[in-house]
Protein backbone atom coordinates (compact mmCIF):
# COMPACT_ATOMS: atom_id res chain seq x y z
CA MET A 1 -46.03 -27.55 -43.86
CA THR A 2 -44.20 -24.28 -44.29
CA ASN A 3 -45.83 -22.90 -41.16
CA LEU A 4 -44.92 -26.06 -39.22
CA ARG A 5 -41.28 -25.72 -40.25
CA ALA A 6 -41.27 -22.09 -39.22
CA VAL A 7 -42.75 -22.96 -35.83
CA LEU A 8 -40.23 -25.79 -35.31
CA SER A 9 -37.37 -23.51 -36.35
CA LEU A 10 -38.52 -20.80 -33.94
CA ALA A 11 -38.91 -23.32 -31.14
CA THR A 12 -35.43 -24.67 -31.76
CA GLY A 13 -34.00 -21.15 -31.70
CA LEU A 14 -35.78 -20.32 -28.47
CA MET A 15 -34.49 -23.50 -26.83
CA ALA A 16 -30.92 -22.71 -27.91
CA PHE A 17 -31.25 -19.18 -26.52
CA ALA A 18 -32.69 -20.52 -23.26
CA ILE A 19 -29.75 -22.89 -22.89
CA ALA A 20 -27.17 -20.21 -23.75
CA ALA A 21 -28.74 -17.44 -21.67
CA PRO A 22 -27.54 -18.66 -18.24
CA ALA A 23 -24.02 -19.11 -19.57
CA PHE A 24 -24.11 -15.61 -21.09
CA ALA A 25 -25.45 -14.09 -17.89
CA GLN A 26 -22.79 -15.89 -15.89
CA SER A 27 -19.98 -14.63 -18.15
CA ASP A 28 -21.20 -11.03 -17.83
CA LYS A 29 -21.44 -11.17 -14.04
CA PRO A 30 -18.88 -8.94 -12.22
CA THR A 31 -15.77 -10.86 -11.15
CA PRO A 32 -15.38 -11.12 -7.34
CA VAL A 33 -12.08 -9.65 -6.17
CA ILE A 34 -10.58 -8.74 -2.80
CA ALA A 35 -8.25 -5.87 -1.91
CA THR A 36 -6.57 -5.84 1.48
CA PHE A 37 -6.87 -2.13 2.34
CA SER A 38 -8.67 1.03 1.24
CA ILE A 39 -5.91 2.66 -0.83
CA LEU A 40 -5.30 -0.48 -2.85
CA GLY A 41 -9.04 -1.05 -3.13
CA ASP A 42 -9.53 2.39 -4.65
CA MET A 43 -6.88 1.66 -7.28
CA VAL A 44 -8.45 -1.70 -8.12
CA LYS A 45 -11.89 -0.10 -8.44
CA ARG A 46 -10.57 2.55 -10.82
CA ILE A 47 -9.30 -0.15 -13.19
CA GLY A 48 -12.02 -2.76 -12.72
CA GLY A 49 -15.01 -0.42 -12.72
CA PRO A 50 -18.40 -2.14 -13.04
CA HIS A 51 -16.75 -5.35 -14.28
CA ILE A 52 -15.59 -6.37 -10.79
CA GLU A 53 -17.31 -6.96 -7.48
CA LEU A 54 -14.81 -5.49 -5.02
CA THR A 55 -14.53 -6.25 -1.32
CA THR A 56 -11.97 -4.28 0.71
CA LEU A 57 -10.89 -5.92 3.96
CA VAL A 58 -9.54 -2.89 5.86
CA GLY A 59 -11.78 0.07 5.17
CA PRO A 60 -11.40 3.86 5.47
CA ASN A 61 -9.48 5.07 8.53
CA GLY A 62 -8.58 1.44 9.30
CA ASP A 63 -5.08 0.46 10.36
CA THR A 64 -3.83 -2.48 8.29
CA HIS A 65 -0.81 -2.89 10.58
CA VAL A 66 -2.94 -4.14 13.47
CA TYR A 67 -5.91 -5.55 11.59
CA GLN A 68 -7.43 -8.84 12.75
CA PRO A 69 -9.31 -10.74 10.01
CA THR A 70 -12.82 -12.00 10.76
CA PRO A 71 -14.65 -15.21 9.76
CA ALA A 72 -16.64 -13.05 7.31
CA ASP A 73 -13.35 -12.01 5.69
CA ALA A 74 -12.39 -15.67 5.27
CA ARG A 75 -15.71 -16.42 3.59
CA GLY A 76 -15.27 -13.48 1.23
CA VAL A 77 -11.72 -14.46 0.33
CA SER A 78 -12.79 -18.05 -0.35
CA LYS A 79 -15.15 -16.84 -3.12
CA ALA A 80 -12.75 -14.37 -4.77
CA LYS A 81 -11.04 -14.96 -8.08
CA LEU A 82 -8.30 -12.43 -7.36
CA LEU A 83 -6.75 -11.31 -4.08
CA PHE A 84 -4.84 -8.01 -4.36
CA VAL A 85 -2.22 -7.43 -1.66
CA ASN A 86 0.35 -4.69 -1.20
CA GLY A 87 3.20 -7.07 -0.41
CA LEU A 88 6.51 -6.13 1.24
CA GLU A 89 5.16 -7.73 4.44
CA PHE A 90 2.58 -4.97 4.92
CA GLU A 91 -0.23 -7.45 5.56
CA GLY A 92 1.40 -9.63 8.20
CA TRP A 93 -1.88 -11.50 8.72
CA ILE A 94 -2.59 -12.42 5.10
CA ASP A 95 -1.14 -15.94 5.05
CA ARG A 96 -3.25 -16.97 8.03
CA LEU A 97 -6.36 -15.57 6.36
CA VAL A 98 -5.63 -17.31 3.05
CA LYS A 99 -5.07 -20.62 4.82
CA ALA A 100 -8.26 -20.27 6.88
CA SER A 101 -10.32 -19.35 3.81
CA GLY A 102 -9.11 -22.12 1.51
CA PHE A 103 -8.57 -19.48 -1.19
CA LYS A 104 -7.97 -21.08 -4.61
CA GLY A 105 -7.69 -17.97 -6.75
CA THR A 106 -4.72 -15.83 -7.73
CA ARG A 107 -2.86 -13.61 -5.29
CA VAL A 108 -1.62 -10.42 -6.96
CA VAL A 109 1.25 -8.50 -5.34
CA ALA A 110 0.72 -4.87 -6.32
CA THR A 111 4.31 -3.82 -5.53
CA LYS A 112 5.87 -6.35 -7.91
CA GLY A 113 8.75 -4.66 -9.76
CA ILE A 114 9.06 -1.68 -7.41
CA GLU A 115 12.49 -0.72 -6.09
CA ALA A 116 11.65 -0.83 -2.41
CA ILE A 117 13.46 1.25 0.18
CA PRO A 118 15.46 -0.99 2.53
CA PHE A 119 14.49 -0.27 6.10
CA GLU A 120 17.84 1.11 7.29
CA ASP A 121 18.30 3.10 4.08
CA GLY A 122 14.97 4.76 4.72
CA HIS A 123 16.63 6.37 7.74
CA ASP A 124 20.16 6.88 6.47
CA ASP A 125 19.10 8.64 3.29
CA HIS A 126 17.49 11.38 5.34
CA GLY A 127 20.09 11.88 8.03
CA LYS A 128 18.09 10.09 10.69
CA GLU A 129 20.84 8.05 12.31
CA GLU A 130 20.74 10.03 15.54
CA SER A 131 17.02 9.67 16.19
CA HIS A 132 16.74 6.07 15.00
CA ALA A 133 20.02 4.35 15.85
CA HIS A 134 18.58 2.49 18.81
CA LYS A 135 15.35 1.59 17.03
CA ASP A 136 17.13 0.29 13.94
CA GLU A 137 19.09 -2.14 16.07
CA HIS A 138 15.84 -3.29 17.68
CA HIS A 139 14.21 -3.87 14.31
CA LYS A 140 17.18 -5.75 12.88
CA ASP A 141 17.38 -7.98 15.91
CA ASP A 142 13.63 -8.58 15.94
CA HIS A 143 13.50 -9.28 12.22
CA HIS A 144 16.29 -11.85 12.29
CA LYS A 145 15.05 -13.39 15.52
CA HIS A 146 11.70 -14.27 13.94
CA GLY A 147 13.49 -15.72 10.96
CA HIS A 148 11.97 -16.42 7.56
CA ASP A 149 11.93 -20.10 6.73
CA ASP A 150 12.37 -19.50 3.03
CA HIS A 151 15.08 -16.83 3.21
CA LYS A 152 18.49 -17.10 4.77
CA LYS A 153 19.50 -14.47 7.29
CA ASP A 154 22.20 -13.06 5.09
CA ASP A 155 19.58 -12.44 2.36
CA HIS A 156 18.03 -9.80 4.62
CA LYS A 157 21.33 -8.02 5.03
CA HIS A 158 21.46 -7.15 1.36
CA GLY A 159 20.78 -3.56 0.53
CA HIS A 160 20.86 -2.01 4.02
CA GLY A 161 23.27 0.82 3.32
CA ASP A 162 26.25 -0.47 1.37
CA HIS A 163 24.30 -2.39 -1.26
CA LYS A 164 23.94 -0.97 -4.74
CA LYS A 165 20.54 0.12 -5.99
CA ASP A 166 20.45 -2.41 -8.79
CA GLU A 167 20.99 -5.16 -6.23
CA HIS A 168 18.11 -3.77 -4.17
CA LYS A 169 15.90 -3.84 -7.20
CA HIS A 170 16.92 -7.36 -8.14
CA GLY A 171 16.38 -8.60 -4.63
CA HIS A 172 12.93 -7.09 -4.43
CA ALA A 173 11.88 -8.39 -7.80
CA GLU A 174 12.94 -11.90 -6.85
CA HIS A 175 10.80 -11.75 -3.72
CA ALA A 176 7.78 -10.02 -5.26
CA LYS A 177 7.40 -12.32 -8.23
CA HIS A 178 5.93 -15.08 -6.06
CA GLY A 179 2.61 -13.33 -5.59
CA HIS A 180 0.91 -14.25 -8.87
CA ASP A 181 -0.07 -17.54 -10.53
CA ASP A 182 2.87 -19.38 -9.06
CA HIS A 183 2.45 -17.85 -5.60
CA LYS A 184 3.68 -20.08 -2.82
CA LYS A 185 3.36 -19.76 0.90
CA GLY A 186 6.31 -18.01 2.47
CA ASP A 187 6.95 -15.30 -0.15
CA HIS A 188 8.79 -12.24 1.01
CA GLU A 189 5.86 -10.05 1.85
CA ASP A 190 3.65 -12.46 3.72
CA HIS A 191 5.27 -14.21 6.66
CA GLY A 192 2.74 -14.94 9.34
CA ASP A 193 5.41 -15.01 12.03
CA HIS A 194 5.52 -11.22 12.07
CA HIS A 195 1.83 -10.85 12.90
CA GLY A 196 1.88 -7.46 11.17
CA HIS A 197 4.53 -6.11 13.53
CA ASP A 198 7.58 -4.15 12.42
CA HIS A 199 7.41 -5.55 8.88
CA GLY A 200 10.59 -6.90 7.31
CA ALA A 201 13.67 -5.56 5.62
CA PHE A 202 11.84 -3.18 3.27
CA ASP A 203 9.55 -0.19 3.74
CA PRO A 204 6.09 -1.32 2.53
CA HIS A 205 4.50 2.14 2.10
CA ALA A 206 5.34 2.36 -1.61
CA TRP A 207 1.96 3.90 -2.53
CA GLN A 208 3.27 7.17 -1.07
CA SER A 209 5.16 7.58 -4.36
CA LEU A 210 3.01 8.53 -7.35
CA LYS A 211 5.78 7.12 -9.54
CA HIS A 212 5.28 3.75 -7.87
CA ALA A 213 1.51 4.13 -8.12
CA VAL A 214 1.86 3.59 -11.87
CA THR A 215 3.49 0.23 -11.14
CA TYR A 216 0.61 -0.65 -8.80
CA VAL A 217 -1.85 0.21 -11.58
CA ASP A 218 0.08 -1.78 -14.19
CA ASN A 219 0.12 -4.87 -11.97
CA ILE A 220 -3.59 -4.50 -11.23
CA THR A 221 -4.43 -4.05 -14.90
CA ALA A 222 -2.38 -7.05 -16.00
CA ALA A 223 -4.05 -9.29 -13.42
CA LEU A 224 -7.56 -8.20 -14.39
CA VAL A 225 -6.87 -8.58 -18.11
CA LYS A 226 -5.63 -12.12 -17.52
CA ALA A 227 -8.56 -13.03 -15.27
CA VAL A 228 -11.29 -11.42 -17.42
CA PRO A 229 -9.93 -11.20 -20.99
CA ALA A 230 -13.35 -10.29 -22.39
CA LYS A 231 -13.09 -6.93 -20.60
CA ALA A 232 -9.44 -6.27 -21.46
CA ALA A 233 -10.20 -3.21 -23.59
CA ALA A 234 -12.15 -1.57 -20.77
CA PHE A 235 -9.42 -2.28 -18.21
CA LYS A 236 -6.73 -0.86 -20.48
CA ALA A 237 -8.76 2.26 -21.20
CA ASN A 238 -9.32 2.80 -17.47
CA ARG A 239 -5.62 2.32 -16.88
CA ALA A 240 -4.66 4.96 -19.47
CA ALA A 241 -7.04 7.54 -18.00
CA TYR A 242 -5.94 6.83 -14.44
CA VAL A 243 -2.21 6.99 -15.21
CA ALA A 244 -2.72 10.36 -16.91
CA GLU A 245 -4.31 11.66 -13.68
CA ILE A 246 -1.50 10.21 -11.57
CA GLU A 247 1.21 11.81 -13.71
CA ALA A 248 -0.56 15.19 -13.70
CA LEU A 249 -0.83 15.13 -9.90
CA ASP A 250 2.84 14.15 -9.60
CA ALA A 251 3.83 17.27 -11.57
CA GLU A 252 1.48 19.39 -9.44
CA ILE A 253 3.03 18.16 -6.18
CA ARG A 254 6.58 18.63 -7.47
CA ALA A 255 5.80 22.25 -8.24
CA MET A 256 4.14 22.67 -4.84
CA ILE A 257 7.14 21.37 -2.89
CA ALA A 258 9.69 23.14 -5.10
CA ASN A 259 8.37 26.47 -3.78
CA LEU A 260 9.37 25.58 -0.22
CA PRO A 261 12.79 26.61 1.15
CA LYS A 262 14.99 23.56 1.66
CA SER A 263 15.50 24.58 5.28
CA LYS A 264 11.76 24.12 5.85
CA ARG A 265 11.43 20.63 4.41
CA THR A 266 11.87 18.53 7.58
CA VAL A 267 8.76 17.38 9.40
CA VAL A 268 7.75 14.94 12.12
CA THR A 269 4.95 12.36 11.76
CA SER A 270 3.70 9.60 14.05
CA HIS A 271 5.17 6.55 12.30
CA ASP A 272 7.67 6.02 9.52
CA ALA A 273 5.31 5.89 6.53
CA PHE A 274 6.43 8.71 4.23
CA GLN A 275 9.93 7.81 3.06
CA TYR A 276 8.78 7.23 -0.54
CA PHE A 277 7.09 10.62 -0.57
CA GLY A 278 10.22 12.17 0.90
CA ARG A 279 12.50 10.53 -1.65
CA ASN A 280 10.33 11.71 -4.54
CA TYR A 281 9.84 15.30 -3.49
CA GLY A 282 12.83 16.20 -1.32
CA VAL A 283 11.13 16.24 2.09
CA THR A 284 12.69 14.69 5.20
CA PHE A 285 10.36 12.81 7.53
CA LEU A 286 11.20 11.92 11.13
CA ALA A 287 9.05 9.67 13.31
CA PRO A 288 9.18 8.34 16.88
CA GLN A 289 7.63 5.03 15.76
CA GLY A 290 9.01 2.61 13.19
CA LEU A 291 7.46 1.27 10.00
CA SER A 292 4.50 -0.22 11.86
CA THR A 293 2.01 1.57 14.09
CA GLU A 294 2.27 -1.50 16.32
CA SER A 295 5.87 -0.67 17.24
CA GLU A 296 6.26 1.45 20.35
CA ALA A 297 8.50 4.48 20.64
CA SER A 298 10.86 4.17 23.59
CA ALA A 299 11.63 7.05 25.92
CA GLN A 300 15.10 7.14 24.35
CA ASP A 301 13.67 7.45 20.84
CA VAL A 302 11.40 10.29 21.86
CA ALA A 303 14.19 12.09 23.73
CA ARG A 304 16.51 11.82 20.71
CA LEU A 305 13.82 13.11 18.41
CA ILE A 306 13.06 16.10 20.65
CA LYS A 307 16.78 16.88 20.85
CA GLN A 308 17.09 16.70 17.06
CA MET A 309 14.03 18.91 16.54
CA ARG A 310 15.44 21.58 18.83
CA LYS A 311 18.86 21.38 17.20
CA GLN A 312 17.48 21.66 13.65
CA ASP A 313 14.67 24.08 14.57
CA ILE A 314 12.00 21.73 13.21
CA SER A 315 8.70 23.43 13.80
CA ALA A 316 6.15 21.22 12.03
CA VAL A 317 4.50 18.14 13.52
CA PHE A 318 1.75 16.21 11.72
CA ILE A 319 -0.69 13.75 13.22
CA GLU A 320 -2.08 10.78 11.30
CA ASN A 321 -5.61 9.48 10.84
CA ILE A 322 -4.67 5.95 11.95
CA THR A 323 -2.51 6.68 15.01
CA ASP A 324 -3.01 8.02 18.53
CA ARG A 325 -2.23 11.73 18.45
CA ARG A 326 -1.20 12.04 22.11
CA LEU A 327 2.51 11.28 21.60
CA LEU A 328 2.80 13.87 18.82
CA GLU A 329 0.97 16.42 20.95
CA GLN A 330 3.46 15.77 23.77
CA ILE A 331 6.39 16.24 21.38
CA ALA A 332 4.84 19.45 20.05
CA ARG A 333 4.43 20.84 23.58
CA GLU A 334 8.01 20.04 24.56
CA THR A 335 9.52 21.54 21.41
CA GLY A 336 7.14 24.40 20.78
CA ALA A 337 6.31 22.96 17.34
CA ALA A 338 2.90 23.50 15.81
CA ILE A 339 0.51 20.74 14.77
CA GLY A 340 0.52 21.24 11.01
CA GLY A 341 -2.55 19.12 10.27
CA THR A 342 -3.59 15.52 9.66
CA LEU A 343 -1.89 13.28 7.11
CA TYR A 344 -3.17 10.02 5.67
CA PRO A 345 -0.33 7.47 5.60
CA GLY A 346 -2.05 4.13 5.01
CA ALA A 347 -5.82 4.50 4.85
CA LEU A 348 -8.30 6.71 3.06
CA SER A 349 -10.76 8.94 4.87
CA GLY A 350 -14.47 8.29 4.79
CA SER A 351 -16.43 9.38 1.74
CA ASP A 352 -17.11 12.79 3.29
CA GLY A 353 -13.45 13.37 4.25
CA PRO A 354 -10.59 15.07 2.38
CA ALA A 355 -8.90 11.81 1.34
CA SER A 356 -11.74 9.64 0.07
CA THR A 357 -9.74 8.40 -2.95
CA TYR A 358 -6.07 7.66 -3.48
CA LEU A 359 -5.46 10.76 -5.60
CA LYS A 360 -7.38 12.99 -3.19
CA MET A 361 -5.28 11.54 -0.37
CA MET A 362 -2.00 12.33 -2.11
CA ARG A 363 -3.14 15.85 -3.00
CA HIS A 364 -4.36 16.46 0.56
CA ASN A 365 -1.10 15.26 2.12
CA ALA A 366 1.02 17.41 -0.20
CA THR A 367 -1.19 20.48 0.22
CA THR A 368 -1.24 20.12 4.02
CA LEU A 369 2.55 19.86 4.12
CA ALA A 370 3.12 22.74 1.72
CA GLN A 371 0.72 25.09 3.47
CA SER A 372 2.13 24.37 6.92
CA LEU A 373 5.79 24.48 5.91
CA GLY A 374 5.32 27.58 3.79
CA SER A 375 3.51 29.58 6.45
């Protein structure tokens, strides 16, 4: 009888384990998440580690500005629990993709809480009125012409030069907060009408600031903790280690740029993607193209830029991994400026390149600038 009870007890235990095992295995399975582009994907991977199954839509050396989602992307998005986006209208195609996929998860706006640079201020702060006056008018007209159904036109005028910083911050926070659990179609960063062209009222390239990178990481961490609470400790530990690396690199770059004469801190790049870097480290960036690689530089814009370069004796021109280098080569020939190297504005390099992670990208960009400007 005792043996029979023991056998029955063992059998019962084995049955309970068999029933629980699939549920346990399911709970320990990596959570499927999507990131829209390689820089953001690298950040998400650093926090999520082996506890997430990450798919990045726009890979290394890919241009998110002009990206066209595929049916495979829609299928991937439909299965994801979290969708990480930059926001600030960087992914002009994201609403169409979400609608096509039937995505039911949570959209996480990584720039939530960041004090974004208003588009016109991005030029005015660096004395760029001469080279961009015509283009700014084009962007303002284009932006208001498209119109955002959920935002009145006068909302976009806030913070374009005469607005106080706290009002900029408030305005951005109000827009960015839509991207999480209560995300609704038509939030500030994701209007399909733009089709990824020219963006909106704010500069979306906030990852070019290591200070803002901490905000990206905090938003990513909070979303993962909420989605997978069982792994919260691991996410928070990854966040602490990553932020320590970010802050150390920030100090390294500050020291690097501080050694450059102020007269040598003006450079030319292909498109207007480095204003956050410039604001953080005291470097002025000029560009013939606007915030998007899809915008075209007019002959007037190029002529103004060449005139300004000659007037200010700007001798450094940098090409980008995601843009056609021919326009910059033409500008370099006409001004006698040297090509200072390749910068990575919005996409990582391949795994064998110099910018295969976000931190490597930031170090490479800063080192390339410092070496060229200091020579």
